[in-house]
Amino acid sequence: MYDILTKGAVFDLQKAHRLRVDGIAGKEVFNLLKSGLVRKKIEHIVARGETLSSIAGKYNVPQELLITANHLETDKIKEGESLLIPVLRLIGFCTPPIPGDPAEPYEHVLPSLTAIAPRWFFVDEHGAIQGEPDRKLAALAEMSGVELWPVVSIGRPESCEEGAQVQDLLGNVLSDSATYSTAIKSFSSLAARLHAKGLVFSIKDLPEKDVYAFQSFLRRILSVLRHEKLLLAVEVPLPEETASVQGQNCKIRCLDLAGIASIAHLVFLKTYKDPEEFSFPGPMVSVNRIKTVLKSLTRAVDFWKLIIVVPAFGVDFSAGLGTVPLRKKHGEVMEIIDTFKPTVSQPEGEQSKVFKYRSFRVSHTVYFEDAESIGVYGDLALRYGLAGMAIADLADADPWVWPALKARFKVVKDGGGVGVSSR
């Protein structure tokens, strides 16, 4: 092995994956190589007669992307030249439709994705997992060669307006032995009847006092999933402390996340606020905050396990007395713009868009994401060598998101491991 891993190659590997850089192929390096989690890269050696255009067609990426990714000055290439094909995992979360509403047509979106993560299930106050899979969506994913990663949330998703209530539920699962035991059995039962790539366990918050109990709980879930050959992913909010506090608290939160990442196959970082989390108008996501957090996590967390979850929706803040912020799909935001013709601007230093309008003598401020801003978040995932990027809810997205992302990187398509068992 040491004949292959030259000191220079080890240096490069350690730098690329933010390990301790010493040129020694020690435990960290070998664990990385054995893990199969190294972020995929595609290297193409130019053959005789090939052009940049033909290579772009072969990998289904824009020619301009190859020029940018390889710092080419022209579209002229030489035989034997090495070209890097940028790749990234792209995951789409989705929410079951409200009873009576039509189901979202995801057929046109699935070919653009590595995986789809439907929020089908939740853990109730007794530790039991409730919810039913959408067999049609599972079949569509299987036909498209898209991985299926069903989500299990703590608490019913539509009742998450009271964060304290949901957090009490997580604390109850971790502290009450009967609820804890029921939850483990429920995960085991769910894993046995699902034919998926893995499960995503989603939490709204993780107080410091519950960190070690939660990690122990994850290990139990992981053991259950391994028995059914399923992988475990965890969705957690972006650590607040790393963005605002320097010193001991920052280190603690980084280590908390590192502990979770050491157990899970993938960690989804929820970068945005939901409408009910706002106390005053503002963008759902801050690109500067994401950068700050990722810099703080350097060498603490395996970046090739991290996926940033970004919003595709808008939030309408009304100045009316007693009103609450309203979530708006991209199509609804566009309808408001078409009706009121407001001036759309961009907050200084951020990528989100914002505009104001008046309706029935009430002032409104709307922040939203579009293809341009989401494309920048994709650039960020590439820049930091993350495992990928996820859209918070496919139903919210600007249709131009998919061409924008296609122009930036090739989506990794592992395929397989999808469907729902009738067991």
Protein backbone atom coordinates (compact mmCIF):
# COMPACT_ATOMS: atom_id res chain seq x y z
CA MET A 1 0.00 0.00 0.00
CA TYR A 2 2.81 2.42 0.79
CA ASP A 3 4.25 1.79 -2.71
CA ILE A 4 1.07 3.26 -4.13
CA LEU A 5 0.44 6.00 -1.60
CA THR A 6 3.48 8.15 -2.13
CA LYS A 7 4.12 10.90 0.35
CA GLY A 8 2.99 13.53 -2.15
CA ALA A 9 -0.24 11.68 -2.85
CA VAL A 10 -0.93 11.36 0.87
CA PHE A 11 -0.32 15.10 1.30
CA ASP A 12 -2.86 15.82 -1.45
CA LEU A 13 -5.44 13.43 0.02
CA GLN A 14 -5.06 14.90 3.51
CA LYS A 15 -5.41 18.45 2.23
CA ALA A 16 -8.43 17.61 0.07
CA HIS A 17 -10.29 16.03 3.00
CA ARG A 18 -9.08 18.36 5.77
CA LEU A 19 -7.14 15.75 7.70
CA ARG A 20 -3.95 16.44 9.63
CA VAL A 21 -1.38 17.11 6.89
CA ASP A 22 1.79 15.15 7.67
CA GLY A 23 2.26 12.92 4.61
CA ILE A 24 1.82 9.77 6.71
CA ALA A 25 -0.68 7.15 5.55
CA GLY A 26 -1.98 6.51 9.05
CA LYS A 27 -5.31 5.45 10.50
CA GLU A 28 -7.25 8.51 9.28
CA VAL A 29 -6.09 8.03 5.69
CA PHE A 30 -6.80 4.28 5.61
CA ASN A 31 -10.24 4.77 7.22
CA LEU A 32 -11.02 7.31 4.51
CA LEU A 33 -9.93 4.99 1.73
CA LYS A 34 -11.89 2.07 3.15
CA SER A 35 -15.01 4.09 3.89
CA GLY A 36 -16.06 4.50 0.28
CA LEU A 37 -17.18 8.00 1.21
CA VAL A 38 -14.53 9.93 -0.68
CA ARG A 39 -16.31 12.58 -2.69
CA LYS A 40 -16.44 11.34 -6.24
CA LYS A 41 -14.31 12.92 -8.91
CA ILE A 42 -14.22 12.12 -12.60
CA GLU A 43 -10.96 12.55 -14.46
CA HIS A 44 -10.96 12.31 -18.24
CA ILE A 45 -7.81 11.84 -20.32
CA VAL A 46 -8.24 13.41 -23.73
CA ALA A 47 -8.00 10.78 -26.49
CA ARG A 48 -6.98 11.35 -30.09
CA GLY A 49 -9.67 13.14 -32.06
CA GLU A 50 -11.65 14.26 -29.04
CA THR A 51 -12.82 17.85 -28.68
CA LEU A 52 -14.08 19.74 -25.67
CA SER A 53 -17.54 19.66 -27.22
CA SER A 54 -17.52 15.86 -27.66
CA ILE A 55 -16.29 15.34 -24.08
CA ALA A 56 -19.00 17.65 -22.75
CA GLY A 57 -21.57 15.61 -24.66
CA LYS A 58 -20.17 12.35 -23.30
CA TYR A 59 -20.62 13.46 -19.68
CA ASN A 60 -23.79 15.49 -20.34
CA VAL A 61 -22.34 18.75 -18.99
CA PRO A 62 -22.07 22.17 -20.65
CA GLN A 63 -18.82 22.90 -22.50
CA GLU A 64 -18.51 26.17 -20.58
CA LEU A 65 -18.46 24.19 -17.33
CA LEU A 66 -15.41 22.21 -18.46
CA ILE A 67 -13.64 25.44 -19.43
CA THR A 68 -14.37 27.00 -16.02
CA ALA A 69 -13.63 23.91 -13.91
CA ASN A 70 -10.28 23.30 -15.62
CA HIS A 71 -9.22 26.97 -15.89
CA LEU A 72 -8.93 26.73 -19.67
CA GLU A 73 -8.34 29.91 -21.64
CA THR A 74 -9.84 28.49 -24.85
CA ASP A 75 -11.77 25.45 -25.99
CA LYS A 76 -8.62 23.92 -27.52
CA ILE A 77 -7.37 20.75 -25.81
CA LYS A 78 -4.53 18.32 -26.52
CA GLU A 79 -4.33 14.54 -26.63
CA GLY A 80 -3.25 13.16 -23.24
CA GLU A 81 -4.45 16.24 -21.35
CA SER A 82 -6.29 15.55 -18.07
CA LEU A 83 -9.70 17.18 -17.52
CA LEU A 84 -11.68 17.26 -14.27
CA ILE A 85 -15.44 16.71 -14.57
CA PRO A 86 -17.09 18.47 -11.58
CA VAL A 87 -19.53 16.15 -9.77
CA LEU A 88 -21.84 16.54 -6.78
CA ARG A 89 -24.68 14.67 -5.12
CA LEU A 90 -28.00 16.50 -5.50
CA ILE A 91 -30.81 15.43 -3.18
CA GLY A 92 -34.40 16.62 -3.15
CA PHE A 93 -36.56 16.55 -0.02
CA CYS A 94 -40.31 16.48 -0.56
CA THR A 95 -43.43 16.61 1.62
CA PRO A 96 -46.59 14.51 1.15
CA PRO A 97 -49.49 16.59 -0.21
CA ILE A 98 -52.20 17.81 2.12
CA PRO A 99 -55.26 15.51 1.85
CA GLY A 100 -57.42 16.77 -1.01
CA ASP A 101 -54.57 18.57 -2.78
CA PRO A 102 -53.14 17.14 -6.03
CA ALA A 103 -49.82 15.30 -5.79
CA GLU A 104 -46.76 17.10 -7.13
CA PRO A 105 -45.51 15.76 -10.50
CA TYR A 106 -41.88 14.89 -9.80
CA GLU A 107 -41.29 13.00 -13.06
CA HIS A 108 -39.50 15.94 -14.68
CA VAL A 109 -37.29 16.54 -11.63
CA LEU A 110 -36.09 13.01 -10.80
CA PRO A 111 -33.63 12.71 -13.72
CA SER A 112 -31.74 15.70 -12.25
CA LEU A 113 -31.34 14.11 -8.80
CA THR A 114 -29.02 11.64 -7.11
CA ALA A 115 -31.62 10.85 -4.45
CA ILE A 116 -35.05 11.84 -3.23
CA ALA A 117 -35.87 12.14 0.49
CA PRO A 118 -39.64 12.13 1.10
CA ARG A 119 -40.78 13.24 4.56
CA TRP A 120 -43.14 10.30 5.01
CA PHE A 121 -42.64 9.34 8.65
CA PHE A 122 -42.51 10.85 12.14
CA VAL A 123 -41.93 9.65 15.69
CA ASP A 124 -44.95 10.32 17.93
CA GLU A 125 -45.04 11.01 21.67
CA HIS A 126 -45.01 7.29 22.46
CA GLY A 127 -41.94 6.54 20.32
CA ALA A 128 -43.95 4.86 17.55
CA ILE A 129 -43.21 5.76 13.93
CA GLN A 130 -46.28 6.98 12.06
CA GLY A 131 -46.82 7.62 8.36
CA GLU A 132 -47.17 5.77 5.08
CA PRO A 133 -44.92 5.67 2.00
CA ASP A 134 -46.06 6.91 -1.40
CA ARG A 135 -45.65 3.79 -3.54
CA LYS A 136 -46.06 5.72 -6.78
CA LEU A 137 -43.18 8.05 -5.90
CA ALA A 138 -41.05 5.06 -4.82
CA ALA A 139 -41.74 3.36 -8.15
CA LEU A 140 -40.88 6.54 -10.07
CA ALA A 141 -37.59 6.82 -8.19
CA GLU A 142 -36.77 3.19 -8.96
CA MET A 143 -37.49 3.64 -12.68
CA SER A 144 -35.34 6.79 -12.74
CA GLY A 145 -32.39 5.10 -10.99
CA VAL A 146 -32.68 7.60 -8.14
CA GLU A 147 -31.83 6.59 -4.57
CA LEU A 148 -34.67 6.61 -2.02
CA TRP A 149 -33.93 8.05 1.44
CA PRO A 150 -37.21 8.31 3.42
CA VAL A 151 -37.18 10.82 6.29
CA VAL A 152 -38.21 10.08 9.87
CA SER A 153 -38.83 13.33 11.77
CA ILE A 154 -39.26 13.91 15.48
CA GLY A 155 -42.88 14.94 15.84
CA ARG A 156 -45.51 15.43 13.16
CA PRO A 157 -43.94 17.81 10.57
CA GLU A 158 -47.01 20.06 10.22
CA SER A 159 -47.14 20.56 14.02
CA CYS A 160 -43.59 21.92 14.25
CA GLU A 161 -44.71 25.49 14.84
CA GLU A 162 -43.94 25.12 18.53
CA GLY A 163 -40.24 24.25 18.62
CA ALA A 164 -40.31 23.61 22.38
CA GLN A 165 -43.04 21.01 21.95
CA VAL A 166 -40.99 19.10 19.39
CA GLN A 167 -37.84 19.37 21.47
CA ASP A 168 -39.66 18.02 24.54
CA LEU A 169 -40.62 15.04 22.39
CA LEU A 170 -36.98 14.33 21.48
CA GLY A 171 -35.98 14.67 25.12
CA ASN A 172 -38.77 12.32 26.11
CA VAL A 173 -37.62 9.68 23.60
CA LEU A 174 -34.07 9.89 24.93
CA SER A 175 -34.96 9.89 28.64
CA ASP A 176 -38.01 7.62 28.95
CA SER A 177 -37.01 3.96 28.72
CA ALA A 178 -40.38 2.74 27.42
CA THR A 179 -40.54 5.42 24.70
CA TYR A 180 -36.88 4.78 23.82
CA SER A 181 -37.51 1.04 23.45
CA THR A 182 -40.63 1.62 21.34
CA ALA A 183 -38.70 3.96 19.04
CA ILE A 184 -35.93 1.39 18.43
CA LYS A 185 -38.49 -1.32 17.70
CA SER A 186 -40.33 1.04 15.34
CA PHE A 187 -37.14 1.77 13.43
CA SER A 188 -36.49 -1.96 13.17
CA SER A 189 -40.01 -2.61 11.85
CA LEU A 190 -39.79 0.24 9.35
CA ALA A 191 -36.36 -0.86 8.10
CA ALA A 192 -37.67 -4.39 7.53
CA ARG A 193 -40.50 -3.25 5.23
CA LEU A 194 -38.64 -0.56 3.28
CA HIS A 195 -36.43 -1.27 0.31
CA ALA A 196 -34.40 1.95 0.26
CA LYS A 197 -30.83 3.17 0.21
CA GLY A 198 -31.17 4.45 3.76
CA LEU A 199 -33.16 6.53 6.24
CA VAL A 200 -32.76 10.18 7.18
CA PHE A 201 -33.42 10.90 10.87
CA SER A 202 -34.40 14.57 11.15
CA ILE A 203 -34.31 16.68 14.32
CA LYS A 204 -35.18 20.36 14.82
CA ASP A 205 -32.66 21.02 17.58
CA LEU A 206 -30.20 19.25 19.87
CA PRO A 207 -29.56 20.80 23.30
CA GLU A 208 -26.08 20.26 24.68
CA LYS A 209 -27.43 18.16 27.57
CA ASP A 210 -28.86 15.59 25.12
CA VAL A 211 -25.84 15.22 22.81
CA TYR A 212 -24.36 12.02 24.23
CA ALA A 213 -27.76 10.38 24.73
CA PHE A 214 -28.64 11.24 21.13
CA GLN A 215 -25.39 9.78 19.79
CA SER A 216 -26.04 6.58 21.75
CA PHE A 217 -29.57 6.50 20.28
CA LEU A 218 -28.12 6.90 16.76
CA ARG A 219 -25.80 3.94 17.33
CA ARG A 220 -28.79 1.78 18.24
CA ILE A 221 -30.64 2.92 15.10
CA LEU A 222 -27.53 2.29 12.99
CA SER A 223 -27.30 -1.27 14.33
CA VAL A 224 -30.94 -1.89 13.38
CA LEU A 225 -30.51 -0.44 9.88
CA ARG A 226 -27.32 -2.40 9.20
CA HIS A 227 -29.24 -5.60 9.82
CA GLU A 228 -31.43 -4.65 6.83
CA LYS A 229 -28.44 -3.31 4.82
CA LEU A 230 -29.68 0.28 5.05
CA LEU A 231 -27.58 3.40 5.61
CA LEU A 232 -28.22 6.11 8.21
CA ALA A 233 -28.22 9.84 7.56
CA VAL A 234 -29.04 12.60 10.04
CA GLU A 235 -30.55 16.04 9.36
CA VAL A 236 -29.58 18.69 11.91
CA PRO A 237 -29.78 22.50 11.93
CA LEU A 238 -26.66 24.49 11.13
CA PRO A 239 -24.91 25.11 14.47
CA GLU A 240 -25.77 28.62 15.68
CA GLU A 241 -22.81 28.95 18.02
CA THR A 242 -20.17 28.41 15.35
CA ALA A 243 -21.45 31.42 13.46
CA SER A 244 -21.65 33.82 16.40
CA VAL A 245 -19.56 32.64 19.33
CA GLN A 246 -15.82 32.14 19.46
CA GLY A 247 -14.11 30.00 22.06
CA GLN A 248 -15.28 27.01 24.07
CA ASN A 249 -18.93 26.94 22.94
CA CYS A 250 -17.84 26.92 19.31
CA LYS A 251 -15.50 23.99 19.92
CA ILE A 252 -18.19 22.06 21.79
CA ARG A 253 -20.75 22.42 18.99
CA CYS A 254 -18.18 21.39 16.38
CA LEU A 255 -17.35 18.29 18.41
CA ASP A 256 -21.06 17.52 18.81
CA LEU A 257 -21.47 17.53 15.05
CA ALA A 258 -18.25 15.55 14.61
CA GLY A 259 -19.65 12.85 16.92
CA ILE A 260 -22.84 12.60 14.85
CA ALA A 261 -20.84 12.49 11.60
CA SER A 262 -18.72 9.64 12.96
CA ILE A 263 -21.88 7.53 13.29
CA ALA A 264 -23.94 8.55 10.25
CA HIS A 265 -23.18 7.86 6.60
CA LEU A 266 -24.25 11.41 5.69
CA VAL A 267 -25.11 14.55 7.68
CA PHE A 268 -27.61 17.01 6.21
CA LEU A 269 -27.06 20.56 7.50
CA LYS A 270 -30.32 22.53 7.46
CA THR A 271 -29.06 26.01 6.56
CA TYR A 272 -32.34 27.91 6.63
CA LYS A 273 -35.09 29.13 8.94
CA ASP A 274 -38.71 28.05 8.58
CA PRO A 275 -41.30 30.88 8.59
CA GLU A 276 -42.38 30.19 12.19
CA GLU A 277 -38.79 30.67 13.39
CA PHE A 278 -38.65 34.36 12.40
CA SER A 279 -39.14 37.20 14.88
CA PHE A 280 -38.64 39.87 12.21
CA PRO A 281 -38.26 39.90 8.38
CA GLY A 282 -35.04 38.56 6.89
CA PRO A 283 -33.65 36.08 4.36
CA MET A 284 -34.22 32.36 5.04
CA VAL A 285 -30.55 31.54 4.50
CA SER A 286 -27.29 33.48 4.76
CA VAL A 287 -24.44 32.49 2.47
CA ASN A 288 -22.04 34.31 4.80
CA ARG A 289 -23.25 32.31 7.77
CA ILE A 290 -22.81 29.03 5.85
CA LYS A 291 -19.24 30.02 4.98
CA THR A 292 -18.50 30.94 8.60
CA VAL A 293 -19.86 27.64 9.91
CA LEU A 294 -17.99 25.54 7.34
CA LYS A 295 -14.74 27.31 8.20
CA SER A 296 -15.38 26.61 11.89
CA LEU A 297 -16.01 22.95 11.14
CA THR A 298 -12.75 22.49 9.24
CA ARG A 299 -10.79 19.49 10.68
CA ALA A 300 -13.64 18.82 13.13
CA VAL A 301 -16.06 17.16 10.69
CA ASP A 302 -15.57 14.97 7.63
CA PHE A 303 -16.63 17.34 4.84
CA TRP A 304 -17.18 14.48 2.40
CA LYS A 305 -20.10 13.43 4.63
CA LEU A 306 -21.77 16.87 4.74
CA ILE A 307 -24.67 17.98 2.56
CA ILE A 308 -26.09 21.50 2.86
CA VAL A 309 -29.89 21.73 2.70
CA VAL A 310 -31.01 25.00 1.09
CA PRO A 311 -34.51 26.45 0.74
CA ALA A 312 -36.30 27.03 -2.54
CA PHE A 313 -39.31 28.80 -1.04
CA GLY A 314 -40.15 32.39 -0.13
CA VAL A 315 -41.49 33.96 3.05
CA ASP A 316 -44.13 36.71 3.03
CA PHE A 317 -43.85 38.98 6.08
CA SER A 318 -46.98 41.05 6.64
CA ALA A 319 -47.02 44.26 8.68
CA GLY A 320 -50.57 43.48 9.75
CA LEU A 321 -51.20 43.16 13.50
CA GLY A 322 -51.06 39.57 14.74
CA THR A 323 -50.07 38.10 11.39
CA VAL A 324 -47.50 35.33 11.01
CA PRO A 325 -44.95 34.89 8.20
CA LEU A 326 -46.32 32.78 5.34
CA ARG A 327 -44.37 30.26 3.31
CA LYS A 328 -44.69 30.78 -0.44
CA LYS A 329 -43.75 28.45 -3.29
CA HIS A 330 -41.68 29.99 -6.06
CA GLY A 331 -44.73 30.00 -8.34
CA GLU A 332 -46.73 31.94 -5.73
CA VAL A 333 -43.93 34.48 -5.37
CA MET A 334 -43.90 34.97 -9.14
CA GLU A 335 -47.68 35.54 -9.12
CA ILE A 336 -47.23 38.32 -6.54
CA ILE A 337 -44.49 39.89 -8.65
CA ASP A 338 -46.66 39.70 -11.79
CA THR A 339 -49.61 41.28 -9.97
CA PHE A 340 -47.93 44.11 -8.04
CA LYS A 341 -44.83 44.72 -10.22
CA PRO A 342 -42.49 45.46 -7.25
CA THR A 343 -38.80 46.27 -7.52
CA VAL A 344 -36.80 43.12 -6.69
CA SER A 345 -33.45 43.68 -5.00
CA GLN A 346 -30.79 41.69 -3.17
CA PRO A 347 -29.71 42.17 0.48
CA GLU A 348 -26.13 43.37 0.72
CA GLY A 349 -23.67 40.48 0.88
CA GLU A 350 -26.36 37.82 0.46
CA GLN A 351 -27.85 35.83 -2.42
CA SER A 352 -31.57 35.86 -1.52
CA LYS A 353 -33.96 38.23 -3.30
CA VAL A 354 -36.39 40.65 -1.61
CA PHE A 355 -39.23 42.98 -2.59
CA LYS A 356 -42.06 44.93 -0.95
CA TYR A 357 -45.68 45.41 -1.94
CA ARG A 358 -48.98 46.64 -0.46
CA SER A 359 -52.24 44.69 -0.49
CA PHE A 360 -55.47 45.84 1.18
CA ARG A 361 -53.52 48.72 2.78
CA VAL A 362 -51.12 46.30 4.45
CA SER A 363 -47.39 46.36 3.70
CA HIS A 364 -45.63 43.11 2.88
CA THR A 365 -41.96 42.16 2.60
CA VAL A 366 -41.10 38.99 0.69
CA TYR A 367 -37.74 37.19 0.74
CA PHE A 368 -37.26 34.33 -1.70
CA GLU A 369 -34.71 32.08 -3.40
CA ASP A 370 -34.40 31.50 -7.14
CA ALA A 371 -32.21 29.61 -9.61
CA GLU A 372 -29.43 32.20 -9.31
CA SER A 373 -29.14 32.07 -5.52
CA ILE A 374 -29.43 28.27 -5.35
CA GLY A 375 -26.74 28.00 -8.00
CA VAL A 376 -24.40 29.98 -5.73
CA TYR A 377 -25.07 27.54 -2.87
CA GLY A 378 -24.12 24.73 -5.29
CA ASP A 379 -20.85 26.58 -6.01
CA LEU A 380 -20.25 26.70 -2.26
CA ALA A 381 -20.69 22.93 -1.90
CA LEU A 382 -18.16 22.39 -4.69
CA ARG A 383 -15.70 24.89 -3.25
CA TYR A 384 -15.65 23.25 0.19
CA GLY A 385 -15.58 19.69 -1.14
CA LEU A 386 -18.91 18.72 0.44
CA ALA A 387 -20.76 15.51 -0.41
CA GLY A 388 -23.48 17.52 -2.06
CA MET A 389 -26.44 19.84 -1.80
CA ALA A 390 -30.13 19.24 -1.07
CA ILE A 391 -33.24 21.23 -1.95
CA ALA A 392 -35.47 21.59 1.14
CA ASP A 393 -38.69 20.88 -0.76
CA LEU A 394 -38.89 20.10 -4.46
CA ALA A 395 -42.43 21.53 -4.71
CA ASP A 396 -41.12 25.00 -3.87
CA ALA A 397 -38.37 25.23 -6.47
CA ASP A 398 -37.91 27.62 -9.36
CA PRO A 399 -38.02 25.43 -12.53
CA TRP A 400 -34.82 27.13 -13.72
CA VAL A 401 -32.93 25.64 -10.75
CA TRP A 402 -32.20 22.43 -12.64
CA PRO A 403 -30.55 24.02 -15.71
CA ALA A 404 -28.60 26.33 -13.36
CA LEU A 405 -27.21 23.39 -11.38
CA LYS A 406 -26.53 21.38 -14.52
CA ALA A 407 -24.36 24.28 -15.71
CA ARG A 408 -22.24 24.00 -12.55
CA PHE A 409 -21.61 20.30 -11.98
CA LYS A 410 -22.46 16.77 -13.03
CA VAL A 411 -24.88 15.04 -10.66
CA VAL A 412 -23.57 11.78 -9.20
CA LYS A 413 -25.97 8.97 -10.08
CA ASP A 414 -25.36 5.87 -7.95
CA GLY A 415 -28.83 4.44 -8.50
CA GLY A 416 -30.33 1.31 -6.95
CA GLY A 417 -31.71 0.66 -3.51
CA VAL A 418 -35.18 2.03 -4.09
CA GLY A 419 -38.72 0.84 -3.73
CA VAL A 420 -41.14 -0.19 -1.01
CA SER A 421 -41.48 -3.75 0.22
CA SER A 422 -44.89 -5.20 0.90
CA ARG A 423 -43.60 -6.96 4.02
